[in-house]
Amino acid sequence: MSMPDRDRDPTASTAQFQAFADRSEDTERRRSRGGTLTFVVVLAVVVVAAAIAWLLLG
């Protein structure tokens, strides 16, 4: 029978999990912002292309 490890810090795993959770939230925010930026860029390209087509064909 072995004795429990007295040097083990029970809060270390909690701190590691908290750091992981914080990092996951930051990643989600970046993904969300990246998706929004992509949508805005595509929308701007469509609007500019429609304006050029309207001017050339109008």
Protein backbone atom coordinates (compact mmCIF):
# COMPACT_ATOMS: atom_id res chain seq x y z
CA MET A 1 0.00 0.00 0.00
CA SER A 2 1.46 3.36 -0.99
CA MET A 3 1.12 6.61 0.85
CA PRO A 4 -0.56 9.57 -0.86
CA ASP A 5 1.73 12.11 -2.48
CA ARG A 6 1.92 15.01 -0.03
CA ASP A 7 3.68 17.33 -2.51
CA ARG A 8 0.81 17.27 -4.96
CA ASP A 9 -1.06 20.56 -5.23
CA PRO A 10 -4.81 19.86 -5.69
CA THR A 11 -5.39 23.37 -7.04
CA ALA A 12 -2.89 22.90 -9.86
CA SER A 13 -5.30 20.90 -12.00
CA THR A 14 -8.01 23.49 -11.35
CA ALA A 15 -5.69 26.29 -12.47
CA GLN A 16 -4.70 24.32 -15.55
CA PHE A 17 -8.35 23.71 -16.43
CA GLN A 18 -9.18 27.38 -15.92
CA ALA A 19 -6.34 28.37 -18.27
CA PHE A 20 -7.65 25.87 -20.84
CA ALA A 21 -11.20 27.23 -20.53
CA ASP A 22 -10.01 30.82 -20.88
CA ARG A 23 -7.95 29.89 -23.95
CA SER A 24 -11.00 28.14 -25.50
CA GLU A 25 -13.15 31.25 -25.01
CA ASP A 26 -10.52 33.44 -26.69
CA THR A 27 -10.38 31.04 -29.64
CA GLU A 28 -14.16 31.14 -30.03
CA ARG A 29 -14.15 34.95 -30.00
CA ARG A 30 -11.48 35.02 -32.70
CA ARG A 31 -13.39 32.54 -34.85
CA SER A 32 -16.58 34.56 -34.48
CA ARG A 33 -14.82 37.80 -35.38
CA GLY A 34 -13.12 36.12 -38.36
CA GLY A 35 -16.45 34.85 -39.68
CA THR A 36 -18.00 38.29 -39.37
CA LEU A 37 -15.07 39.89 -41.17
CA THR A 38 -15.34 37.37 -44.01
CA PHE A 39 -19.06 38.09 -44.37
CA VAL A 40 -18.48 41.86 -44.50
CA VAL A 41 -15.72 41.52 -47.11
CA VAL A 42 -17.85 39.25 -49.32
CA LEU A 43 -20.81 41.59 -49.00
CA ALA A 44 -18.64 44.59 -49.95
CA VAL A 45 -17.30 42.77 -53.03
CA VAL A 46 -20.84 41.90 -54.15
CA VAL A 47 -22.01 45.49 -53.69
CA VAL A 48 -19.02 46.89 -55.63
CA ALA A 49 -19.50 44.34 -58.43
CA ALA A 50 -23.22 45.19 -58.65
CA ALA A 51 -22.43 48.91 -58.77
CA ILE A 52 -19.87 48.43 -61.57
CA ALA A 53 -22.29 46.23 -63.54
CA TRP A 54 -25.08 48.80 -63.08
CA LEU A 55 -22.82 51.61 -64.33
CA LEU A 56 -21.56 49.62 -67.34
CA LEU A 57 -24.96 48.22 -68.35
CA GLY A 58 -27.08 51.19 -67.34
